[in-house]
Amino acid sequence: MWVRGGDRKHGNYNHKVMVFRSSIIEKIALKAPLYSIRAGYVSPKGTTNSEEHNELMRKYRLDRHTASAHLTALRGLITNSNKHYN
């Protein structure tokens, strides 16, 4: 993945950025139980190319990435059988 923006003086810039991002996600997942937060992993497959994605973009005027994040979060709420989500 090519990371846009920033200074790319080294050939391994993209690798460094991606490793940093994944390490942050792993740290959050490991620290979540300390604060009584349930962390779960959700597959984002199929969130970008769907009719529901296009509907969210039009209805709430979201960009592609925000709409995909919204669908992924909803999928996580549904799969974890959250009592407060209808």
C-alpha atoms as a PDB file:
ATOM      1  CA  MET A   1       0.000   0.000   0.000  1.00  0.00           C
ATOM      2  CA  TRP A   2       1.354   3.410  -0.933  1.00  0.00           C
ATOM      3  CA  VAL A   3       0.948   5.918   1.863  1.00  0.00           C
ATOM      4  CA  ARG A   4       0.180   9.396   0.563  1.00  0.00           C
ATOM      5  CA  GLY A   5       1.533  12.607   1.981  1.00  0.00           C
ATOM      6  CA  GLY A   6       4.555  13.112   4.150  1.00  0.00           C
ATOM      7  CA  ASP A   7       8.227  12.895   3.310  1.00  0.00           C
ATOM      8  CA  ARG A   8       9.325   9.698   1.532  1.00  0.00           C
ATOM      9  CA  LYS A   9      13.113   9.942   1.685  1.00  0.00           C
ATOM     10  CA  HIS A  10      13.697   6.232   2.225  1.00  0.00           C
ATOM     11  CA  GLY A  11      12.689   3.202   0.198  1.00  0.00           C
ATOM     12  CA  ASN A  12      11.161   1.436   3.175  1.00  0.00           C
ATOM     13  CA  TYR A  13       8.970   4.396   4.206  1.00  0.00           C
ATOM     14  CA  ASN A  14       5.690   2.629   3.424  1.00  0.00           C
ATOM     15  CA  HIS A  15       6.766  -0.471   5.318  1.00  0.00           C
ATOM     16  CA  LYS A  16       7.618   1.598   8.395  1.00  0.00           C
ATOM     17  CA  VAL A  17       4.272   3.383   8.330  1.00  0.00           C
ATOM     18  CA  MET A  18       2.259   0.178   7.905  1.00  0.00           C
ATOM     19  CA  VAL A  19       4.151  -1.590  10.715  1.00  0.00           C
ATOM     20  CA  PHE A  20       3.570   1.412  12.974  1.00  0.00           C
ATOM     21  CA  ARG A  21      -0.179   1.403  12.236  1.00  0.00           C
ATOM     22  CA  SER A  22      -0.580  -2.319  12.856  1.00  0.00           C
ATOM     23  CA  SER A  23       1.441  -2.103  16.095  1.00  0.00           C
ATOM     24  CA  ILE A  24      -0.864   0.654  17.378  1.00  0.00           C
ATOM     25  CA  ILE A  25      -3.925  -1.494  16.629  1.00  0.00           C
ATOM     26  CA  GLU A  26      -2.341  -4.463  18.406  1.00  0.00           C
ATOM     27  CA  LYS A  27      -1.520  -2.353  21.467  1.00  0.00           C
ATOM     28  CA  ILE A  28      -5.101  -1.081  21.672  1.00  0.00           C
ATOM     29  CA  ALA A  29      -6.433  -4.630  21.430  1.00  0.00           C
ATOM     30  CA  LEU A  30      -4.092  -5.800  24.189  1.00  0.00           C
ATOM     31  CA  LYS A  31      -4.840  -2.906  26.567  1.00  0.00           C
ATOM     32  CA  ALA A  32      -8.633  -2.952  26.086  1.00  0.00           C
ATOM     33  CA  PRO A  33      -9.341  -5.644  28.720  1.00  0.00           C
ATOM     34  CA  LEU A  34      -7.527  -3.565  31.347  1.00  0.00           C
ATOM     35  CA  TYR A  35     -10.228  -0.920  30.968  1.00  0.00           C
ATOM     36  CA  SER A  36     -13.115  -3.428  30.714  1.00  0.00           C
ATOM     37  CA  ILE A  37     -13.512  -2.811  26.993  1.00  0.00           C
ATOM     38  CA  ARG A  38     -14.335  -5.767  24.789  1.00  0.00           C
ATOM     39  CA  ALA A  39     -12.259  -5.693  21.625  1.00  0.00           C
ATOM     40  CA  GLY A  40     -13.251  -7.801  18.662  1.00  0.00           C
ATOM     41  CA  TYR A  41     -11.962  -8.286  15.164  1.00  0.00           C
ATOM     42  CA  VAL A  42     -14.291  -7.804  12.211  1.00  0.00           C
ATOM     43  CA  SER A  43     -13.538  -8.645   8.611  1.00  0.00           C
ATOM     44  CA  PRO A  44     -14.056  -5.554   6.406  1.00  0.00           C
ATOM     45  CA  LYS A  45     -14.592  -7.724   3.331  1.00  0.00           C
ATOM     46  CA  GLY A  46     -17.488  -6.541   1.192  1.00  0.00           C
ATOM     47  CA  THR A  47     -18.064  -3.211   2.919  1.00  0.00           C
ATOM     48  CA  THR A  48     -16.927  -0.997   0.041  1.00  0.00           C
ATOM     49  CA  ASN A  49     -18.719  -2.568  -2.918  1.00  0.00           C
ATOM     50  CA  SER A  50     -22.297  -2.891  -1.773  1.00  0.00           C
ATOM     51  CA  GLU A  51     -25.615  -1.139  -2.220  1.00  0.00           C
ATOM     52  CA  GLU A  52     -25.728  -0.367   1.502  1.00  0.00           C
ATOM     53  CA  HIS A  53     -22.373   1.428   1.154  1.00  0.00           C
ATOM     54  CA  ASN A  54     -23.667   3.609  -1.670  1.00  0.00           C
ATOM     55  CA  GLU A  55     -26.862   4.345   0.260  1.00  0.00           C
ATOM     56  CA  LEU A  56     -24.879   5.477   3.322  1.00  0.00           C
ATOM     57  CA  MET A  57     -22.685   7.713   1.170  1.00  0.00           C
ATOM     58  CA  ARG A  58     -25.718   9.410  -0.369  1.00  0.00           C
ATOM     59  CA  LYS A  59     -27.858   9.619   2.773  1.00  0.00           C
ATOM     60  CA  TYR A  60     -25.227  10.961   5.193  1.00  0.00           C
ATOM     61  CA  ARG A  61     -22.885  12.545   2.586  1.00  0.00           C
ATOM     62  CA  LEU A  62     -19.925  10.432   3.718  1.00  0.00           C
ATOM     63  CA  ASP A  63     -16.788   9.665   1.773  1.00  0.00           C
ATOM     64  CA  ARG A  64     -15.887   6.094   0.815  1.00  0.00           C
ATOM     65  CA  HIS A  65     -13.611   5.419   3.752  1.00  0.00           C
ATOM     66  CA  THR A  66     -15.932   6.806   6.425  1.00  0.00           C
ATOM     67  CA  ALA A  67     -18.870   4.837   5.021  1.00  0.00           C
ATOM     68  CA  SER A  68     -16.776   1.648   5.025  1.00  0.00           C
ATOM     69  CA  ALA A  69     -15.684   2.293   8.622  1.00  0.00           C
ATOM     70  CA  HIS A  70     -19.329   2.834   9.595  1.00  0.00           C
ATOM     71  CA  LEU A  71     -20.393  -0.463   8.007  1.00  0.00           C
ATOM     72  CA  THR A  72     -17.494  -2.299   9.652  1.00  0.00           C
ATOM     73  CA  ALA A  73     -18.458  -0.871  13.065  1.00  0.00           C
ATOM     74  CA  LEU A  74     -22.095  -1.878  12.550  1.00  0.00           C
ATOM     75  CA  ARG A  75     -20.988  -5.365  11.585  1.00  0.00           C
ATOM     76  CA  GLY A  76     -18.962  -5.554  14.802  1.00  0.00           C
ATOM     77  CA  LEU A  77     -21.944  -4.456  16.886  1.00  0.00           C
ATOM     78  CA  ILE A  78     -24.227  -7.007  15.267  1.00  0.00           C
ATOM     79  CA  THR A  79     -21.801  -9.948  15.487  1.00  0.00           C
ATOM     80  CA  ASN A  80     -21.063  -9.284  19.158  1.00  0.00           C
ATOM     81  CA  SER A  81     -24.829  -9.433  19.910  1.00  0.00           C
ATOM     82  CA  ASN A  82     -24.861  -6.030  21.532  1.00  0.00           C
ATOM     83  CA  LYS A  83     -27.999  -5.552  23.617  1.00  0.00           C
ATOM     84  CA  HIS A  84     -28.149  -1.795  23.039  1.00  0.00           C
ATOM     85  CA  TYR A  85     -28.050  -1.947  19.236  1.00  0.00           C
ATOM     86  CA  ASN A  86     -31.246  -2.539  17.292  1.00  0.00           C
END
